[in-house]
Amino acid sequence: MAGPGRQAVGSRAVAPRHRGRGVARVRGKINGLGLLSEYLGTRPDRGLVPAVLGRRDIEGFLHRLAYVESTGKISRYRRNCICRDVREVLAGIRALGLTRPGAPAAGLGRRRRPRAR
């Protein structure tokens, strides 16, 4: 018997196709991280060494977003959403203790988080 929220179709269960706000929030965070990754790709290490990432990288990313907004490619609202989503992910990384000395993201200390200006 299929569990709640599932319908039996033939011999297999099919998950519901409803995609609510949670999916959009996750998609926004992934897209924001994609933009950060694209920016970090310009570094000599291509952004692949998280331990050396630091405040300068985050500030550069924010300046890049400001430039993209000034060209009209994204709106102020979209820029704020990107900053918020990346900030939330970085806060999660800090909450997991990944920014402590010797941890994978040690260069991203606790007070370095993106904010729209």
N, C-alpha and C. Protein backbone atom coordinates (compact mmCIF):
# COMPACT_ATOMS: atom_id res chain seq x y z
N MET A 1 0.84 -1.18 0.00
CA MET A 1 0.00 0.00 0.00
C MET A 1 0.88 1.24 0.00
N ALA A 2 0.49 2.23 -0.77
CA ALA A 2 1.25 3.47 -0.87
C ALA A 2 1.06 4.31 0.38
N GLY A 3 2.10 5.03 0.76
CA GLY A 3 2.04 5.89 1.95
C GLY A 3 1.24 7.15 1.67
N PRO A 4 1.07 7.98 2.69
CA PRO A 4 0.32 9.22 2.50
C PRO A 4 0.98 10.10 1.45
N GLY A 5 0.19 10.73 0.62
CA GLY A 5 0.71 11.61 -0.40
C GLY A 5 1.21 10.89 -1.64
N ARG A 6 1.06 9.62 -1.70
CA ARG A 6 1.52 8.86 -2.88
C ARG A 6 0.33 8.11 -3.47
N GLN A 7 0.41 7.93 -4.75
CA GLN A 7 -0.62 7.16 -5.43
C GLN A 7 0.04 5.95 -6.06
N ALA A 8 -0.67 4.84 -5.99
CA ALA A 8 -0.13 3.62 -6.62
C ALA A 8 -0.46 3.66 -8.10
N VAL A 9 0.56 3.52 -8.93
CA VAL A 9 0.37 3.47 -10.37
C VAL A 9 1.02 2.18 -10.84
N GLY A 10 0.21 1.26 -11.25
CA GLY A 10 0.74 -0.03 -11.65
C GLY A 10 1.40 -0.70 -10.45
N SER A 11 2.66 -1.05 -10.59
CA SER A 11 3.35 -1.73 -9.50
C SER A 11 4.30 -0.80 -8.74
N ARG A 12 4.26 0.51 -9.02
CA ARG A 12 5.15 1.42 -8.32
C ARG A 12 4.40 2.64 -7.80
N ALA A 13 4.96 3.26 -6.78
CA ALA A 13 4.34 4.46 -6.20
C ALA A 13 4.93 5.69 -6.88
N VAL A 14 4.12 6.70 -7.08
CA VAL A 14 4.55 7.93 -7.72
C VAL A 14 4.43 9.06 -6.70
N ALA A 15 5.51 9.80 -6.51
CA ALA A 15 5.50 10.93 -5.58
C ALA A 15 4.63 12.04 -6.14
N PRO A 16 4.03 12.84 -5.27
CA PRO A 16 3.22 13.95 -5.75
C PRO A 16 4.07 14.97 -6.51
N ARG A 17 3.48 15.64 -7.46
CA ARG A 17 4.22 16.59 -8.28
C ARG A 17 4.12 18.01 -7.76
N HIS A 18 3.50 18.21 -6.63
CA HIS A 18 3.37 19.55 -6.06
C HIS A 18 4.75 20.08 -5.67
N ARG A 19 5.05 21.26 -6.12
CA ARG A 19 6.31 21.90 -5.73
C ARG A 19 5.97 23.24 -5.11
N GLY A 20 6.08 23.32 -3.83
CA GLY A 20 5.71 24.53 -3.10
C GLY A 20 6.86 25.49 -2.95
N ARG A 21 6.74 26.38 -1.98
CA ARG A 21 7.73 27.42 -1.75
C ARG A 21 9.09 26.86 -1.36
N GLY A 22 9.11 25.71 -0.71
CA GLY A 22 10.38 25.13 -0.28
C GLY A 22 11.31 24.86 -1.44
N VAL A 23 10.76 24.40 -2.54
CA VAL A 23 11.57 24.10 -3.72
C VAL A 23 12.15 25.39 -4.28
N ALA A 24 11.36 26.44 -4.33
CA ALA A 24 11.84 27.72 -4.84
C ALA A 24 12.96 28.27 -3.96
N ARG A 25 12.85 28.12 -2.66
CA ARG A 25 13.89 28.61 -1.73
C ARG A 25 15.19 27.84 -1.94
N VAL A 26 15.09 26.53 -2.09
CA VAL A 26 16.29 25.73 -2.31
C VAL A 26 16.90 26.10 -3.66
N ARG A 27 16.07 26.25 -4.67
CA ARG A 27 16.57 26.62 -5.99
C ARG A 27 17.28 27.97 -5.94
N GLY A 28 16.73 28.93 -5.19
CA GLY A 28 17.35 30.24 -5.05
C GLY A 28 18.73 30.15 -4.41
N LYS A 29 18.84 29.32 -3.38
CA LYS A 29 20.13 29.15 -2.71
C LYS A 29 21.14 28.49 -3.63
N ILE A 30 20.71 27.49 -4.35
CA ILE A 30 21.61 26.81 -5.29
C ILE A 30 22.06 27.78 -6.38
N ASN A 31 21.15 28.57 -6.92
CA ASN A 31 21.51 29.54 -7.95
C ASN A 31 22.47 30.59 -7.41
N GLY A 32 22.24 31.05 -6.17
CA GLY A 32 23.14 32.02 -5.56
C GLY A 32 24.54 31.44 -5.37
N LEU A 33 24.60 30.19 -4.93
CA LEU A 33 25.90 29.53 -4.79
C LEU A 33 26.56 29.31 -6.15
N GLY A 34 25.75 29.10 -7.17
CA GLY A 34 26.29 28.97 -8.52
C GLY A 34 26.96 30.26 -8.96
N LEU A 35 26.34 31.40 -8.64
CA LEU A 35 26.94 32.68 -8.98
C LEU A 35 28.23 32.91 -8.18
N LEU A 36 28.21 32.54 -6.90
CA LEU A 36 29.43 32.65 -6.09
C LEU A 36 30.52 31.75 -6.66
N SER A 37 30.17 30.55 -7.04
CA SER A 37 31.13 29.62 -7.62
C SER A 37 31.69 30.17 -8.93
N GLU A 38 30.84 30.76 -9.74
CA GLU A 38 31.28 31.35 -11.00
C GLU A 38 32.28 32.47 -10.73
N TYR A 39 31.99 33.30 -9.73
CA TYR A 39 32.92 34.37 -9.37
C TYR A 39 34.24 33.79 -8.85
N LEU A 40 34.16 32.80 -7.98
CA LEU A 40 35.37 32.20 -7.42
C LEU A 40 36.20 31.49 -8.48
N GLY A 41 35.57 31.12 -9.58
CA GLY A 41 36.27 30.48 -10.68
C GLY A 41 37.31 31.37 -11.33
N THR A 42 37.27 32.67 -11.04
CA THR A 42 38.26 33.59 -11.59
C THR A 42 39.54 33.63 -10.75
N ARG A 43 39.50 33.01 -9.58
CA ARG A 43 40.70 32.95 -8.73
C ARG A 43 41.73 32.00 -9.33
N PRO A 44 43.01 32.17 -8.97
CA PRO A 44 44.04 31.26 -9.50
C PRO A 44 43.76 29.79 -9.16
N ASP A 45 43.19 29.54 -7.96
CA ASP A 45 42.89 28.15 -7.58
C ASP A 45 41.49 27.73 -8.03
N ARG A 46 40.84 28.60 -8.83
CA ARG A 46 39.48 28.36 -9.35
C ARG A 46 38.45 28.19 -8.24
N GLY A 47 38.78 28.63 -7.01
CA GLY A 47 37.85 28.54 -5.89
C GLY A 47 37.71 27.15 -5.32
N LEU A 48 38.64 26.27 -5.65
CA LEU A 48 38.53 24.87 -5.23
C LEU A 48 39.18 24.58 -3.88
N VAL A 49 39.79 25.57 -3.25
CA VAL A 49 40.43 25.38 -1.95
C VAL A 49 39.68 26.25 -0.94
N PRO A 50 38.64 25.71 -0.30
CA PRO A 50 37.81 26.53 0.59
C PRO A 50 38.56 27.10 1.78
N ALA A 51 39.64 26.48 2.19
CA ALA A 51 40.37 26.96 3.36
C ALA A 51 41.02 28.32 3.11
N VAL A 52 41.26 28.69 1.86
CA VAL A 52 41.89 29.97 1.57
C VAL A 52 40.89 31.06 1.18
N LEU A 53 39.62 30.74 1.17
CA LEU A 53 38.61 31.74 0.87
C LEU A 53 38.51 32.69 2.06
N GLY A 54 38.28 33.95 1.78
CA GLY A 54 38.21 34.92 2.86
C GLY A 54 37.32 36.09 2.56
N ARG A 55 37.45 37.09 3.39
CA ARG A 55 36.62 38.28 3.29
C ARG A 55 36.76 38.95 1.92
N ARG A 56 37.96 39.01 1.41
CA ARG A 56 38.19 39.65 0.11
C ARG A 56 37.36 38.97 -0.99
N ASP A 57 37.23 37.66 -0.91
CA ASP A 57 36.44 36.93 -1.91
C ASP A 57 34.96 37.29 -1.82
N ILE A 58 34.46 37.36 -0.59
CA ILE A 58 33.04 37.70 -0.41
C ILE A 58 32.79 39.13 -0.84
N GLU A 59 33.68 40.04 -0.48
CA GLU A 59 33.52 41.43 -0.90
C GLU A 59 33.59 41.56 -2.42
N GLY A 60 34.50 40.83 -3.04
CA GLY A 60 34.58 40.85 -4.50
C GLY A 60 33.30 40.34 -5.14
N PHE A 61 32.73 39.31 -4.56
CA PHE A 61 31.46 38.77 -5.06
C PHE A 61 30.35 39.82 -4.94
N LEU A 62 30.32 40.52 -3.82
CA LEU A 62 29.29 41.55 -3.63
C LEU A 62 29.49 42.70 -4.62
N HIS A 63 30.74 43.08 -4.87
CA HIS A 63 31.00 44.13 -5.85
C HIS A 63 30.59 43.66 -7.25
N ARG A 64 30.82 42.41 -7.54
CA ARG A 64 30.41 41.86 -8.84
C ARG A 64 28.89 41.93 -8.99
N LEU A 65 28.16 41.57 -7.92
CA LEU A 65 26.70 41.66 -7.98
C LEU A 65 26.25 43.10 -8.18
N ALA A 66 26.92 44.05 -7.52
CA ALA A 66 26.58 45.46 -7.69
C ALA A 66 26.80 45.89 -9.14
N TYR A 67 27.90 45.42 -9.72
CA TYR A 67 28.18 45.76 -11.12
C TYR A 67 27.10 45.17 -12.05
N VAL A 68 26.76 43.91 -11.83
CA VAL A 68 25.75 43.27 -12.68
C VAL A 68 24.41 43.99 -12.54
N GLU A 69 24.10 44.46 -11.33
CA GLU A 69 22.87 45.24 -11.14
C GLU A 69 22.96 46.55 -11.91
N SER A 70 24.12 47.20 -11.87
CA SER A 70 24.27 48.50 -12.54
C SER A 70 24.14 48.38 -14.05
N THR A 71 24.43 47.21 -14.60
CA THR A 71 24.28 47.01 -16.04
C THR A 71 22.84 46.68 -16.42
N GLY A 72 22.00 46.43 -15.41
CA GLY A 72 20.60 46.14 -15.67
C GLY A 72 20.30 44.66 -15.91
N LYS A 73 21.31 43.80 -15.72
CA LYS A 73 21.08 42.37 -15.94
C LYS A 73 20.28 41.73 -14.83
N ILE A 74 20.38 42.29 -13.61
CA ILE A 74 19.55 41.83 -12.49
C ILE A 74 18.98 43.06 -11.80
N SER A 75 17.88 42.89 -11.12
CA SER A 75 17.25 43.99 -10.39
C SER A 75 17.83 44.10 -8.99
N ARG A 76 17.53 45.19 -8.32
CA ARG A 76 17.95 45.36 -6.93
C ARG A 76 17.35 44.26 -6.06
N TYR A 77 16.08 43.94 -6.34
CA TYR A 77 15.41 42.87 -5.58
C TYR A 77 16.15 41.53 -5.76
N ARG A 78 16.50 41.21 -6.99
CA ARG A 78 17.20 39.94 -7.25
C ARG A 78 18.56 39.92 -6.57
N ARG A 79 19.26 41.04 -6.60
CA ARG A 79 20.55 41.14 -5.92
C ARG A 79 20.38 40.90 -4.42
N ASN A 80 19.37 41.50 -3.83
CA ASN A 80 19.11 41.30 -2.40
C ASN A 80 18.79 39.83 -2.11
N CYS A 81 18.02 39.20 -2.98
CA CYS A 81 17.69 37.78 -2.79
C CYS A 81 18.94 36.92 -2.87
N ILE A 82 19.81 37.20 -3.82
CA ILE A 82 21.05 36.43 -3.96
C ILE A 82 21.90 36.59 -2.71
N CYS A 83 22.04 37.83 -2.24
CA CYS A 83 22.83 38.08 -1.02
C CYS A 83 22.24 37.33 0.17
N ARG A 84 20.93 37.38 0.31
CA ARG A 84 20.26 36.71 1.43
C ARG A 84 20.48 35.21 1.35
N ASP A 85 20.32 34.64 0.18
CA ASP A 85 20.45 33.19 0.04
C ASP A 85 21.88 32.72 0.31
N VAL A 86 22.86 33.45 -0.22
CA VAL A 86 24.26 33.07 0.02
C VAL A 86 24.60 33.26 1.50
N ARG A 87 24.10 34.33 2.10
CA ARG A 87 24.33 34.57 3.54
C ARG A 87 23.78 33.41 4.37
N GLU A 88 22.59 32.93 4.03
CA GLU A 88 21.99 31.83 4.78
C GLU A 88 22.81 30.55 4.65
N VAL A 89 23.32 30.28 3.46
CA VAL A 89 24.14 29.08 3.27
C VAL A 89 25.45 29.20 4.06
N LEU A 90 26.08 30.38 3.99
CA LEU A 90 27.32 30.58 4.74
C LEU A 90 27.09 30.50 6.24
N ALA A 91 25.93 30.99 6.70
CA ALA A 91 25.60 30.86 8.12
C ALA A 91 25.45 29.40 8.51
N GLY A 92 24.88 28.59 7.62
CA GLY A 92 24.77 27.16 7.87
C GLY A 92 26.13 26.49 7.94
N ILE A 93 27.03 26.93 7.08
CA ILE A 93 28.40 26.39 7.09
C ILE A 93 29.07 26.72 8.42
N ARG A 94 28.87 27.96 8.88
CA ARG A 94 29.43 28.34 10.18
C ARG A 94 28.79 27.56 11.31
N ALA A 95 27.49 27.36 11.24
CA ALA A 95 26.78 26.63 12.30
C ALA A 95 27.27 25.19 12.41
N LEU A 96 27.70 24.62 11.30
CA LEU A 96 28.24 23.26 11.31
C LEU A 96 29.68 23.20 11.81
N GLY A 97 30.27 24.36 12.07
CA GLY A 97 31.63 24.40 12.58
C GLY A 97 32.69 24.26 11.50
N LEU A 98 32.31 24.46 10.24
CA LEU A 98 33.24 24.27 9.14
C LEU A 98 34.17 25.46 8.93
N THR A 99 34.00 26.53 9.73
CA THR A 99 34.87 27.71 9.59
C THR A 99 35.90 27.79 10.71
N ARG A 100 35.94 26.80 11.58
CA ARG A 100 36.96 26.80 12.64
C ARG A 100 38.33 26.56 12.04
N PRO A 101 39.38 26.99 12.74
CA PRO A 101 40.74 26.74 12.23
C PRO A 101 40.96 25.25 11.96
N GLY A 102 41.48 24.96 10.79
CA GLY A 102 41.74 23.59 10.38
C GLY A 102 40.56 22.92 9.69
N ALA A 103 39.40 23.55 9.72
CA ALA A 103 38.21 23.00 9.05
C ALA A 103 38.23 23.40 7.58
N PRO A 104 37.41 22.75 6.75
CA PRO A 104 37.44 23.01 5.31
C PRO A 104 37.23 24.46 4.90
N ALA A 105 36.40 25.21 5.60
CA ALA A 105 36.13 26.60 5.23
C ALA A 105 36.70 27.56 6.25
N ALA A 106 37.90 27.28 6.74
CA ALA A 106 38.50 28.07 7.81
C ALA A 106 38.68 29.53 7.43
N GLY A 107 38.86 29.84 6.17
CA GLY A 107 39.06 31.22 5.74
C GLY A 107 37.83 32.09 5.88
N LEU A 108 36.68 31.49 5.98
CA LEU A 108 35.42 32.25 6.11
C LEU A 108 35.06 32.35 7.58
N GLY A 109 35.66 33.29 8.26
CA GLY A 109 35.41 33.45 9.69
C GLY A 109 33.98 33.81 10.00
N ARG A 110 33.67 33.93 11.24
CA ARG A 110 32.28 34.08 11.63
C ARG A 110 31.67 35.42 11.27
N ARG A 111 32.44 36.48 11.10
CA ARG A 111 31.86 37.79 10.85
C ARG A 111 31.84 38.15 9.36
N ARG A 112 32.10 37.22 8.51
CA ARG A 112 32.15 37.52 7.07
C ARG A 112 30.90 36.97 6.39
N ARG A 113 29.93 37.82 6.23
CA ARG A 113 28.72 37.37 5.55
C ARG A 113 28.23 38.46 4.62
N PRO A 114 27.71 38.09 3.48
CA PRO A 114 27.32 39.09 2.49
C PRO A 114 26.06 39.85 2.89
N ARG A 115 26.09 41.12 2.63
CA ARG A 115 24.92 41.97 2.84
C ARG A 115 24.81 42.92 1.66
N ALA A 116 23.62 43.13 1.18
CA ALA A 116 23.42 44.09 0.10
C ALA A 116 23.60 45.48 0.67
N ARG A 117 24.20 46.36 -0.11
CA ARG A 117 24.43 47.74 0.36
C ARG A 117 23.46 48.67 -0.27
